[in-house]
Amino acid sequence: MGNQDFVIYHLVEALESGLAELTGDETRAKRLRALTKLRLISMSDNELWELSSITSCPPARSVEMAYRGHKSTVERLSATANQWLKDL
C-alpha cells in the first residue's frame, strides 16, 4: 500500500469510526482506530518520510516538522500497543 493510499484509508477509517461511535457501535470504532494505528506503526522510516511529504504544508510546516510529528506519534503508539492491540 502506498502512502497516498494510507492517507485515504486513514480518512475513511476516521469517518467510519466517527459514524460507528454515533450509532453506538463502539467495538467497531475501536477496531477501526486500532487498524489505523497498526498500519502507522508498521511503516518504515522511509515510508514515514514519504507520508510526511504528502501531509506537510510548506512553508508553515516543513516535511521535517511533519516527519518529527509522525515519528513521535509512532513512538507513542508503539509504547502503548499492548493497550490498543486488544481492540483488534
N, C-alpha and C. Protein backbone atom coordinates (compact mmCIF):
# COMPACT_ATOMS: atom_id res chain seq x y z
N MET A 1 0.85 -1.18 0.00
CA MET A 1 0.00 0.00 0.00
C MET A 1 0.89 1.24 0.00
N GLY A 2 0.59 2.16 -0.90
CA GLY A 2 1.35 3.39 -0.95
C GLY A 2 0.92 4.35 0.14
N ASN A 3 1.69 5.40 0.33
CA ASN A 3 1.39 6.35 1.39
C ASN A 3 0.16 7.18 1.09
N GLN A 4 -0.09 7.45 -0.20
CA GLN A 4 -1.33 8.16 -0.53
C GLN A 4 -2.52 7.27 -0.17
N ASP A 5 -2.36 5.97 -0.42
CA ASP A 5 -3.43 5.03 -0.03
C ASP A 5 -3.62 5.05 1.48
N PHE A 6 -2.51 5.12 2.22
CA PHE A 6 -2.61 5.17 3.68
C PHE A 6 -3.43 6.38 4.11
N VAL A 7 -3.14 7.53 3.52
CA VAL A 7 -3.86 8.76 3.88
C VAL A 7 -5.35 8.59 3.58
N ILE A 8 -5.66 8.02 2.41
CA ILE A 8 -7.06 7.81 2.05
C ILE A 8 -7.73 6.85 3.03
N TYR A 9 -7.07 5.71 3.29
CA TYR A 9 -7.64 4.74 4.23
C TYR A 9 -7.81 5.34 5.62
N HIS A 10 -6.83 6.14 6.03
CA HIS A 10 -6.92 6.77 7.35
C HIS A 10 -8.15 7.68 7.43
N LEU A 11 -8.37 8.47 6.39
CA LEU A 11 -9.52 9.37 6.39
C LEU A 11 -10.83 8.58 6.37
N VAL A 12 -10.88 7.52 5.58
CA VAL A 12 -12.08 6.69 5.51
C VAL A 12 -12.34 6.02 6.86
N GLU A 13 -11.27 5.47 7.47
CA GLU A 13 -11.43 4.83 8.78
C GLU A 13 -11.86 5.83 9.84
N ALA A 14 -11.34 7.05 9.76
CA ALA A 14 -11.74 8.08 10.73
C ALA A 14 -13.23 8.39 10.58
N LEU A 15 -13.69 8.50 9.33
CA LEU A 15 -15.11 8.76 9.10
C LEU A 15 -15.97 7.59 9.57
N GLU A 16 -15.55 6.36 9.20
CA GLU A 16 -16.30 5.18 9.62
C GLU A 16 -16.31 5.04 11.14
N SER A 17 -15.18 5.35 11.76
CA SER A 17 -15.09 5.28 13.21
C SER A 17 -16.04 6.28 13.86
N GLY A 18 -16.07 7.49 13.32
CA GLY A 18 -16.99 8.51 13.84
C GLY A 18 -18.44 8.09 13.68
N LEU A 19 -18.76 7.51 12.53
CA LEU A 19 -20.13 7.03 12.31
C LEU A 19 -20.46 5.88 13.26
N ALA A 20 -19.49 4.99 13.46
CA ALA A 20 -19.72 3.87 14.38
C ALA A 20 -19.98 4.38 15.80
N GLU A 21 -19.23 5.40 16.21
CA GLU A 21 -19.45 5.98 17.54
C GLU A 21 -20.84 6.62 17.63
N LEU A 22 -21.23 7.34 16.58
CA LEU A 22 -22.54 8.00 16.59
C LEU A 22 -23.68 7.00 16.66
N THR A 23 -23.49 5.84 16.05
CA THR A 23 -24.55 4.82 16.05
C THR A 23 -24.43 3.88 17.25
N GLY A 24 -23.44 4.12 18.10
CA GLY A 24 -23.29 3.32 19.31
C GLY A 24 -22.48 2.06 19.14
N ASP A 25 -21.83 1.86 17.98
CA ASP A 25 -21.03 0.66 17.74
C ASP A 25 -19.59 0.93 18.15
N GLU A 26 -19.37 1.03 19.44
CA GLU A 26 -18.05 1.37 19.98
C GLU A 26 -17.01 0.30 19.64
N THR A 27 -17.43 -0.97 19.57
CA THR A 27 -16.49 -2.05 19.25
C THR A 27 -15.91 -1.84 17.86
N ARG A 28 -16.75 -1.53 16.89
CA ARG A 28 -16.27 -1.28 15.52
C ARG A 28 -15.40 -0.03 15.48
N ALA A 29 -15.76 1.00 16.19
CA ALA A 29 -14.98 2.23 16.22
C ALA A 29 -13.58 1.96 16.77
N LYS A 30 -13.49 1.20 17.86
CA LYS A 30 -12.19 0.87 18.44
C LYS A 30 -11.35 0.04 17.47
N ARG A 31 -11.99 -0.90 16.79
CA ARG A 31 -11.29 -1.76 15.85
C ARG A 31 -10.72 -0.93 14.69
N LEU A 32 -11.50 -0.02 14.17
CA LEU A 32 -11.03 0.82 13.06
C LEU A 32 -9.87 1.71 13.49
N ARG A 33 -9.96 2.27 14.69
CA ARG A 33 -8.85 3.10 15.18
C ARG A 33 -7.59 2.24 15.37
N ALA A 34 -7.75 1.03 15.87
CA ALA A 34 -6.60 0.14 16.08
C ALA A 34 -5.96 -0.25 14.76
N LEU A 35 -6.76 -0.48 13.73
CA LEU A 35 -6.20 -0.83 12.41
C LEU A 35 -5.37 0.32 11.85
N THR A 36 -5.83 1.54 12.01
CA THR A 36 -5.08 2.70 11.55
C THR A 36 -3.76 2.81 12.31
N LYS A 37 -3.81 2.62 13.62
CA LYS A 37 -2.59 2.69 14.43
C LYS A 37 -1.61 1.61 14.03
N LEU A 38 -2.10 0.39 13.81
CA LEU A 38 -1.23 -0.72 13.43
C LEU A 38 -0.57 -0.44 12.08
N ARG A 39 -1.33 0.09 11.14
CA ARG A 39 -0.78 0.43 9.84
C ARG A 39 0.31 1.49 9.99
N LEU A 40 0.09 2.47 10.85
CA LEU A 40 1.06 3.55 11.04
C LEU A 40 2.35 3.04 11.68
N ILE A 41 2.25 2.23 12.73
CA ILE A 41 3.48 1.78 13.39
C ILE A 41 4.22 0.73 12.56
N SER A 42 3.58 0.19 11.53
CA SER A 42 4.22 -0.79 10.67
C SER A 42 5.04 -0.13 9.56
N MET A 43 4.95 1.18 9.43
CA MET A 43 5.67 1.88 8.37
C MET A 43 7.15 2.00 8.69
N SER A 44 7.97 1.92 7.65
CA SER A 44 9.41 2.14 7.81
C SER A 44 9.67 3.65 7.91
N ASP A 45 10.90 4.01 8.26
CA ASP A 45 11.26 5.43 8.34
C ASP A 45 11.10 6.11 6.98
N ASN A 46 11.48 5.41 5.91
CA ASN A 46 11.32 5.98 4.57
C ASN A 46 9.86 6.21 4.23
N GLU A 47 9.00 5.27 4.60
CA GLU A 47 7.57 5.43 4.36
C GLU A 47 7.00 6.59 5.18
N LEU A 48 7.48 6.72 6.43
CA LEU A 48 7.05 7.86 7.25
C LEU A 48 7.46 9.18 6.62
N TRP A 49 8.67 9.21 6.06
CA TRP A 49 9.15 10.43 5.41
C TRP A 49 8.27 10.76 4.21
N GLU A 50 7.94 9.75 3.40
CA GLU A 50 7.07 9.97 2.25
C GLU A 50 5.69 10.44 2.69
N LEU A 51 5.17 9.83 3.75
CA LEU A 51 3.87 10.25 4.29
C LEU A 51 3.94 11.71 4.73
N SER A 52 5.04 12.08 5.36
CA SER A 52 5.23 13.45 5.83
C SER A 52 5.27 14.42 4.66
N SER A 53 5.87 14.01 3.55
CA SER A 53 5.93 14.90 2.39
C SER A 53 4.54 15.11 1.79
N ILE A 54 3.66 14.13 1.95
CA ILE A 54 2.29 14.26 1.46
C ILE A 54 1.47 15.16 2.38
N THR A 55 1.71 15.05 3.69
CA THR A 55 0.85 15.74 4.65
C THR A 55 1.41 17.07 5.15
N SER A 56 2.61 17.45 4.71
CA SER A 56 3.17 18.73 5.15
C SER A 56 2.56 19.87 4.32
N CYS A 57 2.61 21.06 4.89
CA CYS A 57 2.06 22.24 4.21
C CYS A 57 3.10 23.36 4.24
N PRO A 58 4.15 23.25 3.41
CA PRO A 58 5.13 24.32 3.40
C PRO A 58 4.49 25.66 3.03
N PRO A 59 4.97 26.79 3.50
CA PRO A 59 6.13 26.95 4.38
C PRO A 59 5.79 26.85 5.87
N ALA A 60 4.51 26.78 6.22
CA ALA A 60 4.14 26.77 7.63
C ALA A 60 4.65 25.50 8.34
N ARG A 61 4.60 24.38 7.65
CA ARG A 61 5.02 23.12 8.25
C ARG A 61 5.87 22.36 7.23
N SER A 62 7.17 22.27 7.51
CA SER A 62 8.08 21.60 6.59
C SER A 62 7.90 20.09 6.67
N VAL A 63 8.46 19.40 5.70
CA VAL A 63 8.42 17.93 5.69
C VAL A 63 9.11 17.40 6.95
N GLU A 64 10.21 18.03 7.33
CA GLU A 64 10.94 17.58 8.52
C GLU A 64 10.09 17.72 9.78
N MET A 65 9.36 18.82 9.90
CA MET A 65 8.47 19.01 11.07
C MET A 65 7.36 17.96 11.07
N ALA A 66 6.79 17.69 9.89
CA ALA A 66 5.74 16.68 9.79
C ALA A 66 6.30 15.31 10.14
N TYR A 67 7.51 15.02 9.66
CA TYR A 67 8.15 13.73 9.95
C TYR A 67 8.37 13.57 11.46
N ARG A 68 8.89 14.62 12.10
CA ARG A 68 9.12 14.54 13.55
C ARG A 68 7.81 14.28 14.29
N GLY A 69 6.74 14.93 13.85
CA GLY A 69 5.43 14.71 14.46
C GLY A 69 4.94 13.28 14.27
N HIS A 70 5.09 12.76 13.04
CA HIS A 70 4.68 11.38 12.78
C HIS A 70 5.53 10.39 13.57
N LYS A 71 6.83 10.65 13.62
CA LYS A 71 7.75 9.76 14.34
C LYS A 71 7.39 9.74 15.83
N SER A 72 7.09 10.88 16.39
CA SER A 72 6.69 10.97 17.79
C SER A 72 5.39 10.20 18.03
N THR A 73 4.45 10.31 17.11
CA THR A 73 3.19 9.58 17.22
C THR A 73 3.43 8.08 17.18
N VAL A 74 4.28 7.64 16.25
CA VAL A 74 4.60 6.22 16.12
C VAL A 74 5.24 5.70 17.40
N GLU A 75 6.16 6.46 17.97
CA GLU A 75 6.82 6.04 19.21
C GLU A 75 5.81 5.92 20.35
N ARG A 76 4.89 6.88 20.44
CA ARG A 76 3.87 6.84 21.48
C ARG A 76 2.92 5.66 21.27
N LEU A 77 2.52 5.42 20.03
CA LEU A 77 1.63 4.30 19.74
C LEU A 77 2.31 2.96 20.00
N SER A 78 3.59 2.87 19.65
CA SER A 78 4.33 1.63 19.90
C SER A 78 4.44 1.34 21.39
N ALA A 79 4.64 2.40 22.18
CA ALA A 79 4.77 2.23 23.62
C ALA A 79 3.47 1.76 24.27
N THR A 80 2.35 2.10 23.65
CA THR A 80 1.05 1.74 24.23
C THR A 80 0.35 0.63 23.45
N ALA A 81 1.10 -0.06 22.58
CA ALA A 81 0.50 -1.06 21.69
C ALA A 81 -0.28 -2.14 22.43
N ASN A 82 0.22 -2.57 23.58
CA ASN A 82 -0.49 -3.62 24.33
C ASN A 82 -1.90 -3.19 24.72
N GLN A 83 -2.09 -1.90 24.92
CA GLN A 83 -3.41 -1.40 25.32
C GLN A 83 -4.40 -1.41 24.15
N TRP A 84 -3.98 -1.00 22.99
CA TRP A 84 -4.93 -0.85 21.89
C TRP A 84 -4.96 -2.04 20.94
N LEU A 85 -3.95 -2.91 20.94
CA LEU A 85 -3.98 -4.08 20.06
C LEU A 85 -5.09 -5.05 20.42
N LYS A 86 -5.51 -5.06 21.68
CA LYS A 86 -6.60 -5.94 22.08
C LYS A 86 -7.91 -5.57 21.40
N ASP A 87 -8.01 -4.32 20.91
CA ASP A 87 -9.22 -3.88 20.21
C ASP A 87 -9.38 -4.54 18.84
N LEU A 88 -8.30 -5.14 18.35
CA LEU A 88 -8.38 -5.85 17.07
C LEU A 88 -9.01 -7.22 17.30
